[in-house]
């Protein structure tokens, strides 16, 4: 291993330790490669159809994700993380946007 490679790895480890200790904020959001859509949906107590409708997904997307035929891409995983963390807050924000858009049309 070259000194340059070692220094990069050591720097990354020091940064990770500082983040874990709360001494440093992460440089970017970590979005997991796998996310359990069914668990999130069940947590908010919605059917597949209701979950898709409430959060702007298609029913086919929800079914495919839950049955492992496909998986959510980056932005959808980040969105699902928000839903998992604060489903009521996401629904409130979506409702506010819908009301704002309705006012523009009226």
C-alpha atoms as a PDB file:
ATOM      1  CA  UNK A   1       0.000   0.000   0.000  1.00  0.00           C
ATOM      2  CA  UNK A   2       1.330   3.416  -0.896  1.00  0.00           C
ATOM      3  CA  UNK A   3       1.712   6.163   1.678  1.00  0.00           C
ATOM      4  CA  UNK A   4      -0.854   8.237  -0.228  1.00  0.00           C
ATOM      5  CA  UNK A   5      -3.455   5.430  -0.043  1.00  0.00           C
ATOM      6  CA  UNK A   6      -2.693   4.853   3.634  1.00  0.00           C
ATOM      7  CA  UNK A   7      -3.078   8.567   4.403  1.00  0.00           C
ATOM      8  CA  UNK A   8      -6.468   8.669   2.651  1.00  0.00           C
ATOM      9  CA  UNK A   9      -7.710   5.643   4.605  1.00  0.00           C
ATOM     10  CA  UNK A  10      -6.376   7.029   7.893  1.00  0.00           C
ATOM     11  CA  UNK A  11      -8.005  10.387   7.176  1.00  0.00           C
ATOM     12  CA  UNK A  12     -11.326   8.685   6.462  1.00  0.00           C
ATOM     13  CA  UNK A  13     -11.135   6.730   9.707  1.00  0.00           C
ATOM     14  CA  UNK A  14     -10.374   9.871  11.718  1.00  0.00           C
ATOM     15  CA  UNK A  15     -13.325  11.626  10.075  1.00  0.00           C
ATOM     16  CA  UNK A  16     -15.634   8.667  10.816  1.00  0.00           C
ATOM     17  CA  UNK A  17     -14.594   8.646  14.467  1.00  0.00           C
ATOM     18  CA  UNK A  18     -15.146  12.414  14.764  1.00  0.00           C
ATOM     19  CA  UNK A  19     -18.623  12.052  13.211  1.00  0.00           C
ATOM     20  CA  UNK A  20     -19.482   9.179  15.561  1.00  0.00           C
ATOM     21  CA  UNK A  21     -18.411  11.302  18.536  1.00  0.00           C
ATOM     22  CA  UNK A  22     -20.520  14.224  17.339  1.00  0.00           C
ATOM     23  CA  UNK A  23     -17.463  16.416  16.802  1.00  0.00           C
ATOM     24  CA  UNK A  24     -18.027  16.725  13.046  1.00  0.00           C
ATOM     25  CA  UNK A  25     -21.025  16.717  10.729  1.00  0.00           C
ATOM     26  CA  UNK A  26     -21.045  14.156   7.911  1.00  0.00           C
ATOM     27  CA  UNK A  27     -20.032  15.567   4.537  1.00  0.00           C
ATOM     28  CA  UNK A  28     -23.014  14.034   2.790  1.00  0.00           C
ATOM     29  CA  UNK A  29     -26.188  12.144   3.527  1.00  0.00           C
ATOM     30  CA  UNK A  30     -25.806   8.385   3.730  1.00  0.00           C
ATOM     31  CA  UNK A  31     -28.560   6.705   1.773  1.00  0.00           C
ATOM     32  CA  UNK A  32     -28.639   2.949   2.373  1.00  0.00           C
ATOM     33  CA  UNK A  33     -28.565   0.727  -0.703  1.00  0.00           C
ATOM     34  CA  UNK A  34     -31.457  -1.342   0.645  1.00  0.00           C
ATOM     35  CA  UNK A  35     -34.612  -0.075   2.269  1.00  0.00           C
ATOM     36  CA  UNK A  36     -37.577  -2.070   3.579  1.00  0.00           C
ATOM     37  CA  UNK A  37     -40.521  -0.430   1.836  1.00  0.00           C
ATOM     38  CA  UNK A  38     -43.035  -2.880   3.278  1.00  0.00           C
ATOM     39  CA  UNK A  39     -41.908  -2.133   6.843  1.00  0.00           C
ATOM     40  CA  UNK A  40     -42.229   1.611   6.233  1.00  0.00           C
ATOM     41  CA  UNK A  41     -45.689   1.164   4.710  1.00  0.00           C
ATOM     42  CA  UNK A  42     -46.820  -1.053   7.573  1.00  0.00           C
ATOM     43  CA  UNK A  43     -45.448   1.457  10.095  1.00  0.00           C
ATOM     44  CA  UNK A  44     -47.797   4.114   8.705  1.00  0.00           C
ATOM     45  CA  UNK A  45     -50.624   1.544   8.617  1.00  0.00           C
ATOM     46  CA  UNK A  46     -51.592   2.017   4.967  1.00  0.00           C
ATOM     47  CA  UNK A  47     -52.464  -0.469   2.257  1.00  0.00           C
ATOM     48  CA  UNK A  48     -50.200  -0.575  -0.782  1.00  0.00           C
ATOM     49  CA  UNK A  49     -52.739   1.436  -2.756  1.00  0.00           C
ATOM     50  CA  UNK A  50     -53.244   4.053  -0.021  1.00  0.00           C
ATOM     51  CA  UNK A  51     -49.489   4.404   0.564  1.00  0.00           C
ATOM     52  CA  UNK A  52     -48.835   4.875  -3.148  1.00  0.00           C
ATOM     53  CA  UNK A  53     -51.602   7.446  -3.425  1.00  0.00           C
ATOM     54  CA  UNK A  54     -50.665   9.369  -0.277  1.00  0.00           C
ATOM     55  CA  UNK A  55     -46.965   9.702  -1.108  1.00  0.00           C
ATOM     56  CA  UNK A  56     -47.026   9.963  -4.903  1.00  0.00           C
ATOM     57  CA  UNK A  57     -45.819   6.521  -5.919  1.00  0.00           C
ATOM     58  CA  UNK A  58     -47.489   4.137  -8.319  1.00  0.00           C
ATOM     59  CA  UNK A  59     -49.071   0.972  -7.017  1.00  0.00           C
ATOM     60  CA  UNK A  60     -46.795  -0.980  -9.361  1.00  0.00           C
ATOM     61  CA  UNK A  61     -43.712   0.619  -7.781  1.00  0.00           C
ATOM     62  CA  UNK A  62     -44.823  -0.346  -4.283  1.00  0.00           C
ATOM     63  CA  UNK A  63     -45.624  -3.921  -5.322  1.00  0.00           C
ATOM     64  CA  UNK A  64     -42.349  -4.330  -7.217  1.00  0.00           C
ATOM     65  CA  UNK A  65     -40.281  -2.938  -4.340  1.00  0.00           C
ATOM     66  CA  UNK A  66     -42.017  -5.035  -1.710  1.00  0.00           C
ATOM     67  CA  UNK A  67     -41.812  -8.223  -3.762  1.00  0.00           C
ATOM     68  CA  UNK A  68     -38.151  -7.673  -4.657  1.00  0.00           C
ATOM     69  CA  UNK A  69     -38.658  -7.315  -8.416  1.00  0.00           C
ATOM     70  CA  UNK A  70     -36.988  -3.912  -8.276  1.00  0.00           C
ATOM     71  CA  UNK A  71     -35.697  -1.512  -5.669  1.00  0.00           C
ATOM     72  CA  UNK A  72     -36.131   2.214  -5.141  1.00  0.00           C
ATOM     73  CA  UNK A  73     -33.497   4.387  -6.807  1.00  0.00           C
ATOM     74  CA  UNK A  74     -31.469   7.001  -4.900  1.00  0.00           C
ATOM     75  CA  UNK A  75     -33.988   9.836  -4.666  1.00  0.00           C
ATOM     76  CA  UNK A  76     -36.855   7.473  -3.874  1.00  0.00           C
ATOM     77  CA  UNK A  77     -34.780   5.843  -1.116  1.00  0.00           C
ATOM     78  CA  UNK A  78     -34.080   9.281   0.377  1.00  0.00           C
ATOM     79  CA  UNK A  79     -37.798  10.126   0.143  1.00  0.00           C
ATOM     80  CA  UNK A  80     -38.715   6.810   1.786  1.00  0.00           C
ATOM     81  CA  UNK A  81     -36.234   7.586   4.591  1.00  0.00           C
ATOM     82  CA  UNK A  82     -38.108  10.855   5.214  1.00  0.00           C
ATOM     83  CA  UNK A  83     -41.441   9.045   5.210  1.00  0.00           C
ATOM     84  CA  UNK A  84     -40.055   6.488   7.661  1.00  0.00           C
ATOM     85  CA  UNK A  85     -38.707   9.217   9.951  1.00  0.00           C
ATOM     86  CA  UNK A  86     -41.714  11.574   9.917  1.00  0.00           C
ATOM     87  CA  UNK A  87     -44.684  10.328   7.878  1.00  0.00           C
ATOM     88  CA  UNK A  88     -47.051  12.944   9.309  1.00  0.00           C
ATOM     89  CA  UNK A  89     -44.602  15.732   8.480  1.00  0.00           C
ATOM     90  CA  UNK A  90     -44.249  14.518   4.899  1.00  0.00           C
ATOM     91  CA  UNK A  91     -48.034  14.280   4.523  1.00  0.00           C
ATOM     92  CA  UNK A  92     -48.384  17.812   5.953  1.00  0.00           C
ATOM     93  CA  UNK A  93     -45.808  19.158   3.504  1.00  0.00           C
ATOM     94  CA  UNK A  94     -47.507  17.437   0.572  1.00  0.00           C
ATOM     95  CA  UNK A  95     -50.874  18.803   1.678  1.00  0.00           C
ATOM     96  CA  UNK A  96     -49.434  22.327   1.920  1.00  0.00           C
ATOM     97  CA  UNK A  97     -48.032  22.035  -1.612  1.00  0.00           C
ATOM     98  CA  UNK A  98     -51.365  20.769  -2.961  1.00  0.00           C
ATOM     99  CA  UNK A  99     -53.195  23.686  -1.320  1.00  0.00           C
ATOM    100  CA  UNK A 100     -50.685  26.164  -2.679  1.00  0.00           C
ATOM    101  CA  UNK A 101     -51.015  24.729  -6.185  1.00  0.00           C
ATOM    102  CA  UNK A 102     -54.822  24.788  -5.937  1.00  0.00           C
ATOM    103  CA  UNK A 103     -54.715  28.481  -4.991  1.00  0.00           C
ATOM    104  CA  UNK A 104     -52.596  29.263  -8.049  1.00  0.00           C
ATOM    105  CA  UNK A 105     -55.193  27.652 -10.315  1.00  0.00           C
ATOM    106  CA  UNK A 106     -58.177  29.353  -8.658  1.00  0.00           C
END
